[in-house]
């Protein structure tokens, strides 16, 4: 009995330390939903690029098509962010935790710098009409944000970030497949990550 009590106390101490140093209310379902949004957005984007004439876009009007793709990307990002916030709040309530705490603030501060830098970098690319670099930039800066913020939450977040960076670098080398790699990063990888998180931590 004494040995069991010691293990129980050690487990409680470990849980307390983890709660104080890591944000553990991230929802795996939010990752799955973000992946679904990403795949739907990528489907529309790829269809738009491959069938632009059928969709009413002149073949030579690249700017119109690109702006439409940017709108799709923004819609996917907003839907993912809103869903992630709602599901994370719900997860935090189940764990009797406050979403806005010192750890979550450190997580946002760490990930916010590369995320905002990436947003400004992509805006500069749009102004300079360098559209082929947008998919790799999205993947690379998003991956950097996940790696930076991953130290304050589950390790799976950091590994997701590394995978996004690798895909972004591949998109730089293979610009022709930029949208496909974007779909893999923001779609498939998010679904895999979300499923791992859900079955590992939430069931």
N, C-alpha and C. Protein backbone atom coordinates (compact mmCIF):
# COMPACT_ATOMS: atom_id res chain seq x y z
N UNK A 1 0.83 -1.20 0.00
CA UNK A 1 0.00 0.00 0.00
C UNK A 1 0.86 1.25 0.00
N UNK A 2 1.95 1.21 0.75
CA UNK A 2 2.82 2.38 0.83
C UNK A 2 3.43 2.67 -0.52
N UNK A 3 3.84 1.61 -1.25
CA UNK A 3 4.43 1.82 -2.56
C UNK A 3 3.42 2.42 -3.52
N UNK A 4 2.16 1.97 -3.44
CA UNK A 4 1.11 2.52 -4.29
C UNK A 4 0.86 3.98 -3.95
N UNK A 5 0.89 4.31 -2.67
CA UNK A 5 0.69 5.70 -2.26
C UNK A 5 1.79 6.60 -2.79
N UNK A 6 3.02 6.09 -2.78
CA UNK A 6 4.16 6.87 -3.29
C UNK A 6 3.98 7.14 -4.78
N UNK A 7 3.60 6.08 -5.52
CA UNK A 7 3.39 6.26 -6.96
C UNK A 7 2.24 7.23 -7.23
N UNK A 8 1.20 7.15 -6.41
CA UNK A 8 0.06 8.05 -6.57
C UNK A 8 0.46 9.50 -6.33
N UNK A 9 1.28 9.70 -5.28
CA UNK A 9 1.74 11.05 -4.97
C UNK A 9 2.66 11.59 -6.07
N UNK A 10 3.55 10.74 -6.56
CA UNK A 10 4.44 11.16 -7.64
C UNK A 10 3.66 11.52 -8.90
N UNK A 11 2.61 10.74 -9.19
CA UNK A 11 1.78 11.02 -10.34
C UNK A 11 1.06 12.35 -10.19
N UNK A 12 0.59 12.62 -8.97
CA UNK A 12 -0.10 13.89 -8.71
C UNK A 12 0.86 15.06 -8.84
N UNK A 13 2.08 14.89 -8.34
CA UNK A 13 3.09 15.96 -8.44
C UNK A 13 3.44 16.22 -9.89
N UNK A 14 3.61 15.13 -10.64
CA UNK A 14 3.95 15.27 -12.06
C UNK A 14 2.83 15.99 -12.81
N UNK A 15 1.58 15.63 -12.52
CA UNK A 15 0.44 16.28 -13.17
C UNK A 15 0.38 17.76 -12.84
N UNK A 16 0.67 18.08 -11.56
CA UNK A 16 0.66 19.48 -11.13
C UNK A 16 1.75 20.28 -11.83
N UNK A 17 2.94 19.69 -11.93
CA UNK A 17 4.04 20.38 -12.61
C UNK A 17 3.74 20.57 -14.09
N UNK A 18 3.10 19.58 -14.70
CA UNK A 18 2.77 19.68 -16.12
C UNK A 18 1.74 20.77 -16.36
N UNK A 19 0.77 20.87 -15.45
CA UNK A 19 -0.25 21.90 -15.58
C UNK A 19 0.34 23.29 -15.43
N UNK A 20 1.38 23.42 -14.60
CA UNK A 20 1.97 24.73 -14.35
C UNK A 20 2.97 25.14 -15.42
N UNK A 21 3.44 24.19 -16.21
CA UNK A 21 4.47 24.52 -17.21
C UNK A 21 4.01 24.31 -18.65
N UNK A 22 2.90 23.59 -18.84
CA UNK A 22 2.42 23.33 -20.19
C UNK A 22 0.93 23.55 -20.29
N UNK A 23 0.52 24.04 -21.45
CA UNK A 23 -0.91 24.22 -21.73
C UNK A 23 -1.43 22.92 -22.31
N UNK A 24 -2.27 22.22 -21.56
CA UNK A 24 -2.67 20.86 -21.95
C UNK A 24 -4.15 20.77 -22.32
N UNK A 25 -4.77 21.92 -22.61
CA UNK A 25 -6.19 21.91 -22.96
C UNK A 25 -6.44 21.99 -24.45
N UNK A 26 -5.38 21.80 -25.25
CA UNK A 26 -5.58 21.80 -26.70
C UNK A 26 -6.47 20.62 -27.10
N UNK A 27 -7.37 20.86 -28.02
CA UNK A 27 -8.31 19.82 -28.44
C UNK A 27 -7.84 19.14 -29.72
N UNK A 28 -7.81 17.82 -29.70
CA UNK A 28 -7.46 17.07 -30.90
C UNK A 28 -8.51 17.23 -31.99
N UNK A 29 -9.77 17.38 -31.57
CA UNK A 29 -10.84 17.56 -32.54
C UNK A 29 -10.66 18.84 -33.35
N UNK A 30 -10.08 19.86 -32.73
CA UNK A 30 -9.85 21.11 -33.46
C UNK A 30 -8.84 20.89 -34.59
N UNK A 31 -7.85 20.03 -34.35
CA UNK A 31 -6.90 19.69 -35.40
C UNK A 31 -7.56 18.94 -36.54
N UNK A 32 -8.46 18.02 -36.21
CA UNK A 32 -9.18 17.27 -37.24
C UNK A 32 -10.05 18.21 -38.07
N UNK A 33 -10.77 19.12 -37.38
CA UNK A 33 -11.63 20.06 -38.10
C UNK A 33 -10.81 21.00 -38.98
N UNK A 34 -9.67 21.47 -38.46
CA UNK A 34 -8.80 22.34 -39.25
C UNK A 34 -8.32 21.61 -40.51
N UNK A 35 -8.01 20.34 -40.37
CA UNK A 35 -7.59 19.54 -41.52
C UNK A 35 -8.70 19.39 -42.55
N UNK A 36 -9.93 19.19 -42.07
CA UNK A 36 -11.07 19.08 -42.99
C UNK A 36 -11.28 20.40 -43.72
N UNK A 37 -11.23 21.52 -42.98
CA UNK A 37 -11.35 22.83 -43.63
C UNK A 37 -10.24 23.02 -44.66
N UNK A 38 -9.02 22.60 -44.30
CA UNK A 38 -7.89 22.74 -45.21
C UNK A 38 -8.07 21.95 -46.49
N UNK A 39 -8.56 20.72 -46.37
CA UNK A 39 -8.76 19.88 -47.55
C UNK A 39 -9.88 20.44 -48.44
N UNK A 40 -10.94 20.94 -47.82
CA UNK A 40 -12.03 21.53 -48.61
C UNK A 40 -11.53 22.77 -49.35
N UNK A 41 -10.79 23.62 -48.61
CA UNK A 41 -10.23 24.81 -49.24
C UNK A 41 -9.27 24.47 -50.36
N UNK A 42 -8.43 23.46 -50.14
CA UNK A 42 -7.47 23.04 -51.17
C UNK A 42 -8.19 22.48 -52.39
N UNK A 43 -9.28 21.76 -52.17
CA UNK A 43 -10.05 21.22 -53.29
C UNK A 43 -10.58 22.35 -54.17
N UNK A 44 -11.17 23.37 -53.54
CA UNK A 44 -11.67 24.52 -54.29
C UNK A 44 -10.52 25.23 -55.02
N UNK A 45 -9.38 25.39 -54.31
CA UNK A 45 -8.24 26.11 -54.89
C UNK A 45 -7.69 25.36 -56.11
N UNK A 46 -7.47 24.06 -55.97
CA UNK A 46 -6.92 23.27 -57.07
C UNK A 46 -7.90 23.23 -58.25
N UNK A 47 -9.17 23.10 -57.93
CA UNK A 47 -10.19 23.10 -59.00
C UNK A 47 -10.21 24.45 -59.71
N UNK A 48 -10.06 25.52 -58.95
CA UNK A 48 -10.07 26.85 -59.54
C UNK A 48 -8.88 27.06 -60.47
N UNK A 49 -7.73 26.58 -60.06
CA UNK A 49 -6.53 26.75 -60.87
C UNK A 49 -6.59 25.90 -62.14
N UNK A 50 -7.07 24.66 -61.99
CA UNK A 50 -7.07 23.75 -63.14
C UNK A 50 -8.21 24.00 -64.10
N UNK A 51 -9.30 24.62 -63.62
CA UNK A 51 -10.47 24.84 -64.47
C UNK A 51 -10.89 26.31 -64.47
N UNK A 52 -9.91 27.22 -64.49
CA UNK A 52 -10.23 28.63 -64.32
C UNK A 52 -11.15 29.16 -65.42
N UNK A 53 -11.07 28.62 -66.61
CA UNK A 53 -11.93 29.11 -67.68
C UNK A 53 -13.39 28.73 -67.44
N UNK A 54 -13.61 27.51 -66.92
CA UNK A 54 -14.98 27.07 -66.63
C UNK A 54 -15.59 27.85 -65.48
N UNK A 55 -14.73 28.37 -64.60
CA UNK A 55 -15.23 29.12 -63.45
C UNK A 55 -15.38 30.61 -63.74
N UNK A 56 -15.15 30.99 -64.97
CA UNK A 56 -15.37 32.38 -65.34
C UNK A 56 -14.16 33.27 -65.25
N UNK A 57 -12.98 32.72 -65.04
CA UNK A 57 -11.76 33.52 -64.97
C UNK A 57 -11.04 33.46 -66.31
N UNK A 58 -10.66 34.60 -66.87
CA UNK A 58 -9.85 34.57 -68.09
C UNK A 58 -8.53 33.87 -67.83
N UNK A 59 -8.01 33.19 -68.83
CA UNK A 59 -6.78 32.41 -68.65
C UNK A 59 -5.60 33.27 -68.28
N UNK A 60 -5.62 34.55 -68.73
CA UNK A 60 -4.47 35.41 -68.47
C UNK A 60 -4.64 36.28 -67.24
N UNK A 61 -5.76 36.13 -66.54
CA UNK A 61 -6.01 36.99 -65.38
C UNK A 61 -5.53 36.30 -64.11
N UNK A 62 -4.22 36.24 -63.94
CA UNK A 62 -3.63 35.54 -62.80
C UNK A 62 -3.96 36.21 -61.48
N UNK A 63 -4.02 37.53 -61.47
CA UNK A 63 -4.27 38.26 -60.22
C UNK A 63 -5.65 37.95 -59.66
N UNK A 64 -6.64 37.86 -60.52
CA UNK A 64 -8.00 37.57 -60.06
C UNK A 64 -8.05 36.19 -59.41
N UNK A 65 -7.42 35.21 -60.07
CA UNK A 65 -7.39 33.85 -59.53
C UNK A 65 -6.64 33.82 -58.21
N UNK A 66 -5.51 34.52 -58.14
CA UNK A 66 -4.69 34.51 -56.94
C UNK A 66 -5.41 35.16 -55.77
N UNK A 67 -6.11 36.25 -56.03
CA UNK A 67 -6.87 36.90 -54.96
C UNK A 67 -7.97 35.99 -54.45
N UNK A 68 -8.60 35.26 -55.36
CA UNK A 68 -9.62 34.30 -54.94
C UNK A 68 -9.01 33.20 -54.07
N UNK A 69 -7.81 32.75 -54.42
CA UNK A 69 -7.12 31.74 -53.61
C UNK A 69 -6.78 32.28 -52.23
N UNK A 70 -6.38 33.55 -52.17
CA UNK A 70 -6.06 34.17 -50.88
C UNK A 70 -7.30 34.24 -50.00
N UNK A 71 -8.44 34.57 -50.61
CA UNK A 71 -9.70 34.61 -49.86
C UNK A 71 -10.02 33.23 -49.30
N UNK A 72 -9.84 32.20 -50.11
CA UNK A 72 -10.07 30.83 -49.64
C UNK A 72 -9.18 30.51 -48.45
N UNK A 73 -7.89 30.88 -48.57
CA UNK A 73 -6.96 30.63 -47.47
C UNK A 73 -7.37 31.36 -46.20
N UNK A 74 -7.84 32.60 -46.32
CA UNK A 74 -8.27 33.37 -45.15
C UNK A 74 -9.50 32.75 -44.51
N UNK A 75 -10.43 32.27 -45.34
CA UNK A 75 -11.63 31.62 -44.80
C UNK A 75 -11.25 30.37 -44.02
N UNK A 76 -10.34 29.57 -44.58
CA UNK A 76 -9.87 28.36 -43.89
C UNK A 76 -9.22 28.72 -42.56
N UNK A 77 -8.39 29.78 -42.56
CA UNK A 77 -7.70 30.19 -41.34
C UNK A 77 -8.68 30.67 -40.27
N UNK A 78 -9.67 31.47 -40.66
CA UNK A 78 -10.64 32.00 -39.69
C UNK A 78 -11.49 30.87 -39.12
N UNK A 79 -11.98 29.98 -39.98
CA UNK A 79 -12.78 28.85 -39.51
C UNK A 79 -11.98 27.97 -38.55
N UNK A 80 -10.71 27.72 -38.90
CA UNK A 80 -9.86 26.89 -38.05
C UNK A 80 -9.62 27.55 -36.70
N UNK A 81 -9.36 28.86 -36.71
CA UNK A 81 -9.08 29.58 -35.47
C UNK A 81 -10.31 29.61 -34.56
N UNK A 82 -11.48 29.89 -35.13
CA UNK A 82 -12.71 29.94 -34.33
C UNK A 82 -13.04 28.57 -33.75
N UNK A 83 -12.91 27.54 -34.57
CA UNK A 83 -13.18 26.17 -34.10
C UNK A 83 -12.20 25.76 -33.02
N UNK A 84 -10.91 26.09 -33.22
CA UNK A 84 -9.89 25.73 -32.24
C UNK A 84 -10.17 26.42 -30.91
N UNK A 85 -10.54 27.69 -30.95
CA UNK A 85 -10.83 28.43 -29.71
C UNK A 85 -12.02 27.82 -28.98
N UNK A 86 -13.09 27.53 -29.72
CA UNK A 86 -14.30 26.99 -29.09
C UNK A 86 -14.03 25.62 -28.47
N UNK A 87 -13.36 24.74 -29.21
CA UNK A 87 -13.10 23.40 -28.69
C UNK A 87 -12.07 23.41 -27.57
N UNK A 88 -11.12 24.35 -27.62
CA UNK A 88 -10.13 24.45 -26.55
C UNK A 88 -10.78 24.94 -25.26
N UNK A 89 -11.69 25.91 -25.38
CA UNK A 89 -12.42 26.39 -24.20
C UNK A 89 -13.23 25.26 -23.59
N UNK A 90 -13.88 24.47 -24.45
CA UNK A 90 -14.67 23.34 -23.95
C UNK A 90 -13.79 22.30 -23.27
N UNK A 91 -12.62 22.04 -23.85
CA UNK A 91 -11.68 21.10 -23.25
C UNK A 91 -11.17 21.61 -21.91
N UNK A 92 -10.90 22.90 -21.85
CA UNK A 92 -10.41 23.49 -20.59
C UNK A 92 -11.45 23.38 -19.48
N UNK A 93 -12.71 23.56 -19.82
CA UNK A 93 -13.78 23.44 -18.82
C UNK A 93 -13.86 22.02 -18.28
N UNK A 94 -13.65 21.04 -19.17
CA UNK A 94 -13.67 19.64 -18.72
C UNK A 94 -12.54 19.37 -17.72
N UNK A 95 -11.41 20.06 -17.92
CA UNK A 95 -10.26 19.86 -17.04
C UNK A 95 -10.26 20.84 -15.87
N UNK A 96 -11.32 21.64 -15.76
CA UNK A 96 -11.41 22.65 -14.70
C UNK A 96 -10.22 23.61 -14.75
N UNK A 97 -9.88 24.05 -15.95
CA UNK A 97 -8.77 24.97 -16.14
C UNK A 97 -9.25 26.26 -16.77
N UNK A 98 -8.47 27.29 -16.59
CA UNK A 98 -8.73 28.58 -17.22
C UNK A 98 -7.92 28.67 -18.50
N UNK A 99 -8.59 28.96 -19.62
CA UNK A 99 -7.88 29.03 -20.90
C UNK A 99 -6.83 30.13 -20.89
N UNK A 100 -7.18 31.28 -20.32
CA UNK A 100 -6.26 32.42 -20.32
C UNK A 100 -5.46 32.40 -19.02
N UNK A 101 -4.29 31.79 -19.04
CA UNK A 101 -3.44 31.66 -17.86
C UNK A 101 -2.00 31.99 -18.26
N UNK A 102 -1.07 32.05 -17.29
CA UNK A 102 0.32 32.39 -17.64
C UNK A 102 0.94 31.50 -18.70
N UNK A 103 0.62 30.20 -18.69
CA UNK A 103 1.21 29.29 -19.66
C UNK A 103 0.67 29.57 -21.06
N UNK A 104 -0.65 29.76 -21.18
CA UNK A 104 -1.22 30.04 -22.50
C UNK A 104 -0.74 31.38 -23.04
N UNK A 105 -0.49 32.33 -22.15
CA UNK A 105 0.05 33.62 -22.59
C UNK A 105 1.47 33.46 -23.13
N UNK A 106 2.26 32.62 -22.46
CA UNK A 106 3.63 32.37 -22.96
C UNK A 106 3.58 31.62 -24.29
N UNK A 107 2.64 30.71 -24.43
CA UNK A 107 2.49 29.98 -25.68
C UNK A 107 2.16 30.94 -26.82
N UNK A 108 1.21 31.83 -26.59
CA UNK A 108 0.82 32.78 -27.63
C UNK A 108 1.95 33.75 -27.95
N UNK A 109 2.69 34.17 -26.93
CA UNK A 109 3.80 35.09 -27.16
C UNK A 109 4.89 34.42 -27.99
N UNK A 110 5.18 33.17 -27.68
CA UNK A 110 6.24 32.46 -28.41
C UNK A 110 5.86 32.18 -29.86
N UNK A 111 4.62 31.75 -30.07
CA UNK A 111 4.19 31.43 -31.43
C UNK A 111 3.76 32.66 -32.21
N UNK A 112 3.41 33.73 -31.51
CA UNK A 112 2.91 34.92 -32.18
C UNK A 112 3.94 35.63 -33.03
N UNK A 113 5.21 35.63 -32.59
CA UNK A 113 6.26 36.34 -33.33
C UNK A 113 6.45 35.75 -34.73
N UNK A 114 6.72 34.44 -34.89
CA UNK A 114 6.85 33.90 -36.25
C UNK A 114 5.54 33.94 -37.03
N UNK A 115 4.41 33.83 -36.33
CA UNK A 115 3.12 33.85 -37.02
C UNK A 115 2.86 35.23 -37.63
N UNK A 116 3.05 36.28 -36.84
CA UNK A 116 2.84 37.64 -37.35
C UNK A 116 3.88 38.02 -38.39
N UNK A 117 5.13 37.59 -38.16
CA UNK A 117 6.18 37.85 -39.15
C UNK A 117 5.83 37.20 -40.47
N UNK A 118 5.34 35.98 -40.42
CA UNK A 118 4.93 35.28 -41.63
C UNK A 118 3.79 35.99 -42.33
N UNK A 119 2.83 36.50 -41.56
CA UNK A 119 1.72 37.23 -42.15
C UNK A 119 2.18 38.47 -42.89
N UNK A 120 3.11 39.22 -42.28
CA UNK A 120 3.65 40.41 -42.93
C UNK A 120 4.47 40.04 -44.16
N UNK A 121 5.22 38.95 -44.05
CA UNK A 121 6.03 38.49 -45.19
C UNK A 121 5.13 38.11 -46.37
N UNK A 122 4.05 37.40 -46.09
CA UNK A 122 3.11 37.00 -47.14
C UNK A 122 2.43 38.22 -47.75
N UNK A 123 2.09 39.20 -46.91
CA UNK A 123 1.50 40.44 -47.43
C UNK A 123 2.46 41.14 -48.39
N UNK A 124 3.76 41.14 -48.04
CA UNK A 124 4.76 41.74 -48.93
C UNK A 124 4.86 40.98 -50.25
N UNK A 125 4.76 39.64 -50.17
CA UNK A 125 4.78 38.84 -51.40
C UNK A 125 3.60 39.18 -52.30
N UNK A 126 2.44 39.40 -51.70
CA UNK A 126 1.25 39.75 -52.48
C UNK A 126 1.44 41.10 -53.15
N UNK A 127 1.99 42.06 -52.42
CA UNK A 127 2.22 43.38 -52.99
C UNK A 127 3.22 43.34 -54.15
N UNK A 128 4.16 42.41 -54.08
CA UNK A 128 5.18 42.29 -55.13
C UNK A 128 4.78 41.27 -56.21
N UNK A 129 3.57 40.75 -56.12
CA UNK A 129 3.08 39.77 -57.10
C UNK A 129 3.94 38.52 -57.16
N UNK A 130 4.51 38.13 -56.04
CA UNK A 130 5.32 36.90 -55.96
C UNK A 130 4.45 35.77 -55.40
N UNK A 131 3.46 35.38 -56.19
CA UNK A 131 2.44 34.47 -55.67
C UNK A 131 2.95 33.04 -55.48
N UNK A 132 3.93 32.63 -56.23
CA UNK A 132 4.40 31.24 -56.14
C UNK A 132 5.07 30.94 -54.80
N UNK A 133 5.49 32.00 -54.09
CA UNK A 133 6.15 31.80 -52.80
C UNK A 133 5.17 31.79 -51.62
N UNK A 134 3.89 32.05 -51.90
CA UNK A 134 2.93 32.12 -50.79
C UNK A 134 2.69 30.77 -50.12
N UNK A 135 2.43 29.67 -50.87
CA UNK A 135 2.24 28.37 -50.20
C UNK A 135 3.43 27.95 -49.34
N UNK A 136 4.68 28.01 -49.86
CA UNK A 136 5.79 27.62 -48.98
C UNK A 136 5.95 28.55 -47.78
N UNK A 137 5.68 29.85 -47.97
CA UNK A 137 5.79 30.79 -46.85
C UNK A 137 4.77 30.46 -45.77
N UNK A 138 3.54 30.14 -46.19
CA UNK A 138 2.50 29.75 -45.22
C UNK A 138 2.96 28.55 -44.39
N UNK A 139 3.47 27.54 -45.06
CA UNK A 139 3.88 26.31 -44.38
C UNK A 139 5.08 26.55 -43.47
N UNK A 140 6.08 27.27 -43.96
CA UNK A 140 7.31 27.45 -43.18
C UNK A 140 7.06 28.30 -41.94
N UNK A 141 6.40 29.45 -42.09
CA UNK A 141 6.19 30.31 -40.93
C UNK A 141 5.19 29.70 -39.95
N UNK A 142 4.20 28.98 -40.46
CA UNK A 142 3.28 28.28 -39.56
C UNK A 142 4.03 27.20 -38.78
N UNK A 143 4.90 26.48 -39.47
CA UNK A 143 5.71 25.47 -38.79
C UNK A 143 6.61 26.08 -37.73
N UNK A 144 7.23 27.20 -38.04
CA UNK A 144 8.08 27.88 -37.05
C UNK A 144 7.27 28.32 -35.83
N UNK A 145 6.04 28.78 -36.06
CA UNK A 145 5.18 29.18 -34.95
C UNK A 145 4.83 27.99 -34.06
N UNK A 146 4.57 26.83 -34.69
CA UNK A 146 4.25 25.63 -33.91
C UNK A 146 5.46 25.14 -33.12
N UNK A 147 6.63 25.19 -33.72
CA UNK A 147 7.85 24.75 -33.02
C UNK A 147 8.13 25.67 -31.84
N UNK A 148 7.96 26.98 -32.05
CA UNK A 148 8.21 27.94 -30.96
C UNK A 148 7.22 27.77 -29.82
N UNK A 149 5.95 27.56 -30.17
CA UNK A 149 4.93 27.41 -29.13
C UNK A 149 4.88 26.01 -28.55
N UNK A 150 5.47 25.04 -29.26
CA UNK A 150 5.40 23.66 -28.81
C UNK A 150 6.07 23.38 -27.48
N UNK A 151 6.99 24.25 -27.08
CA UNK A 151 7.66 24.04 -25.79
C UNK A 151 6.73 24.29 -24.61
N UNK A 152 5.57 24.91 -24.86
CA UNK A 152 4.63 25.21 -23.78
C UNK A 152 3.38 24.33 -23.84
N UNK A 153 3.40 23.29 -24.68
CA UNK A 153 2.26 22.40 -24.75
C UNK A 153 2.74 20.99 -25.13
N UNK A 154 1.88 20.17 -25.67
CA UNK A 154 2.24 18.80 -26.00
C UNK A 154 3.34 18.76 -27.06
N UNK A 155 4.20 17.75 -26.98
CA UNK A 155 5.32 17.63 -27.92
C UNK A 155 4.84 17.38 -29.35
N UNK A 156 3.64 16.84 -29.49
CA UNK A 156 3.10 16.58 -30.84
C UNK A 156 2.98 17.87 -31.65
N UNK A 157 2.73 18.99 -30.97
CA UNK A 157 2.61 20.27 -31.66
C UNK A 157 3.94 20.64 -32.32
N UNK A 158 5.02 20.42 -31.59
CA UNK A 158 6.34 20.74 -32.13
C UNK A 158 6.67 19.86 -33.35
N UNK A 159 6.33 18.57 -33.27
CA UNK A 159 6.61 17.67 -34.40
C UNK A 159 5.74 18.03 -35.61
N UNK A 160 4.52 18.47 -35.37
CA UNK A 160 3.69 18.95 -36.46
C UNK A 160 4.36 20.15 -37.13
N UNK A 161 4.96 21.01 -36.31
CA UNK A 161 5.66 22.18 -36.85
C UNK A 161 6.84 21.78 -37.72
N UNK A 162 7.62 20.81 -37.28
CA UNK A 162 8.76 20.35 -38.09
C UNK A 162 8.29 19.81 -39.44
N UNK A 163 7.20 19.06 -39.43
CA UNK A 163 6.67 18.51 -40.68
C UNK A 163 6.21 19.62 -41.61
N UNK A 164 5.59 20.66 -41.05
CA UNK A 164 5.14 21.78 -41.88
C UNK A 164 6.34 22.49 -42.52
N UNK A 165 7.41 22.65 -41.77
CA UNK A 165 8.61 23.31 -42.30
C UNK A 165 9.20 22.50 -43.45
N UNK A 166 9.27 21.18 -43.28
CA UNK A 166 9.80 20.31 -44.34
C UNK A 166 8.95 20.43 -45.61
N UNK A 167 7.63 20.44 -45.45
CA UNK A 167 6.75 20.58 -46.60
C UNK A 167 6.92 21.95 -47.26
N UNK A 168 7.11 22.98 -46.44
CA UNK A 168 7.33 24.32 -46.98
C UNK A 168 8.59 24.41 -47.80
N UNK A 169 9.66 23.80 -47.31
CA UNK A 169 10.91 23.77 -48.06
C UNK A 169 10.77 22.98 -49.36
N UNK A 170 10.00 21.89 -49.29
CA UNK A 170 9.74 21.11 -50.51
C UNK A 170 8.95 21.94 -51.52
N UNK A 171 8.02 22.78 -51.02
CA UNK A 171 7.23 23.62 -51.92
C UNK A 171 8.10 24.68 -52.58
N UNK A 172 9.16 25.11 -51.90
CA UNK A 172 10.09 26.05 -52.52
C UNK A 172 10.83 25.41 -53.69
N UNK A 173 11.21 24.15 -53.50
CA UNK A 173 11.95 23.43 -54.54
C UNK A 173 11.02 22.99 -55.67
N UNK A 174 9.77 22.68 -55.30
CA UNK A 174 8.79 22.19 -56.27
C UNK A 174 7.57 23.12 -56.30
N UNK A 175 7.74 24.34 -56.81
CA UNK A 175 6.63 25.31 -56.78
C UNK A 175 5.40 24.85 -57.53
N UNK A 176 5.58 23.98 -58.51
CA UNK A 176 4.44 23.48 -59.28
C UNK A 176 3.47 22.71 -58.40
N UNK A 177 3.98 22.12 -57.32
CA UNK A 177 3.14 21.32 -56.42
C UNK A 177 2.84 22.07 -55.11
N UNK A 178 2.95 23.40 -55.16
CA UNK A 178 2.74 24.19 -53.95
C UNK A 178 1.39 23.98 -53.31
N UNK A 179 0.32 24.00 -54.11
CA UNK A 179 -1.03 23.82 -53.57
C UNK A 179 -1.23 22.42 -53.01
N UNK A 180 -0.65 21.42 -53.69
CA UNK A 180 -0.78 20.04 -53.21
C UNK A 180 -0.07 19.88 -51.86
N UNK A 181 1.13 20.44 -51.75
CA UNK A 181 1.87 20.36 -50.50
C UNK A 181 1.17 21.16 -49.41
N UNK A 182 0.56 22.29 -49.78
CA UNK A 182 -0.24 23.07 -48.84
C UNK A 182 -1.40 22.22 -48.31
N UNK A 183 -2.05 21.48 -49.22
CA UNK A 183 -3.17 20.62 -48.83
C UNK A 183 -2.71 19.51 -47.89
N UNK A 184 -1.53 18.96 -48.15
CA UNK A 184 -0.99 17.92 -47.26
C UNK A 184 -0.70 18.51 -45.87
N UNK A 185 -0.07 19.69 -45.86
CA UNK A 185 0.31 20.30 -44.59
C UNK A 185 -0.87 20.74 -43.76
N UNK A 186 -1.76 21.52 -44.36
CA UNK A 186 -2.88 22.08 -43.60
C UNK A 186 -4.09 21.16 -43.57
N UNK A 187 -4.08 20.14 -44.42
CA UNK A 187 -5.18 19.20 -44.43
C UNK A 187 -4.84 17.88 -43.78
N UNK A 188 -4.06 17.08 -44.50
CA UNK A 188 -3.77 15.71 -44.04
C UNK A 188 -3.04 15.69 -42.70
N UNK A 189 -1.98 16.48 -42.59
CA UNK A 189 -1.20 16.46 -41.34
C UNK A 189 -2.01 16.90 -40.14
N UNK A 190 -2.90 17.88 -40.34
CA UNK A 190 -3.74 18.32 -39.23
C UNK A 190 -4.70 17.21 -38.78
N UNK A 191 -5.23 16.48 -39.74
CA UNK A 191 -6.14 15.38 -39.38
C UNK A 191 -5.38 14.30 -38.62
N UNK A 192 -4.20 13.94 -39.10
CA UNK A 192 -3.38 12.93 -38.41
C UNK A 192 -3.01 13.40 -37.02
N UNK A 193 -2.54 14.65 -36.92
CA UNK A 193 -2.18 15.23 -35.62
C UNK A 193 -3.38 15.24 -34.68
N UNK A 194 -4.53 15.70 -35.18
CA UNK A 194 -5.72 15.77 -34.33
C UNK A 194 -6.17 14.41 -33.85
N UNK A 195 -6.09 13.40 -34.73
CA UNK A 195 -6.48 12.04 -34.34
C UNK A 195 -5.55 11.50 -33.26
N UNK A 196 -4.25 11.73 -33.41
CA UNK A 196 -3.28 11.28 -32.40
C UNK A 196 -3.57 11.95 -31.06
N UNK A 197 -3.79 13.26 -31.09
CA UNK A 197 -4.07 14.00 -29.86
C UNK A 197 -5.35 13.49 -29.19
N UNK A 198 -6.37 13.26 -30.01
CA UNK A 198 -7.66 12.84 -29.45
C UNK A 198 -7.56 11.47 -28.79
N UNK A 199 -6.99 10.49 -29.49
CA UNK A 199 -6.94 9.13 -28.95
C UNK A 199 -5.90 9.00 -27.84
N UNK A 200 -4.90 9.87 -27.83
CA UNK A 200 -3.85 9.76 -26.82
C UNK A 200 -4.22 10.49 -25.53
N UNK A 201 -4.88 11.64 -25.62
CA UNK A 201 -5.09 12.48 -24.45
C UNK A 201 -6.54 12.69 -24.06
N UNK A 202 -7.49 12.47 -24.98
CA UNK A 202 -8.88 12.85 -24.68
C UNK A 202 -9.81 11.69 -24.48
N UNK A 203 -9.41 10.49 -24.90
CA UNK A 203 -10.30 9.33 -24.71
C UNK A 203 -10.00 8.64 -23.40
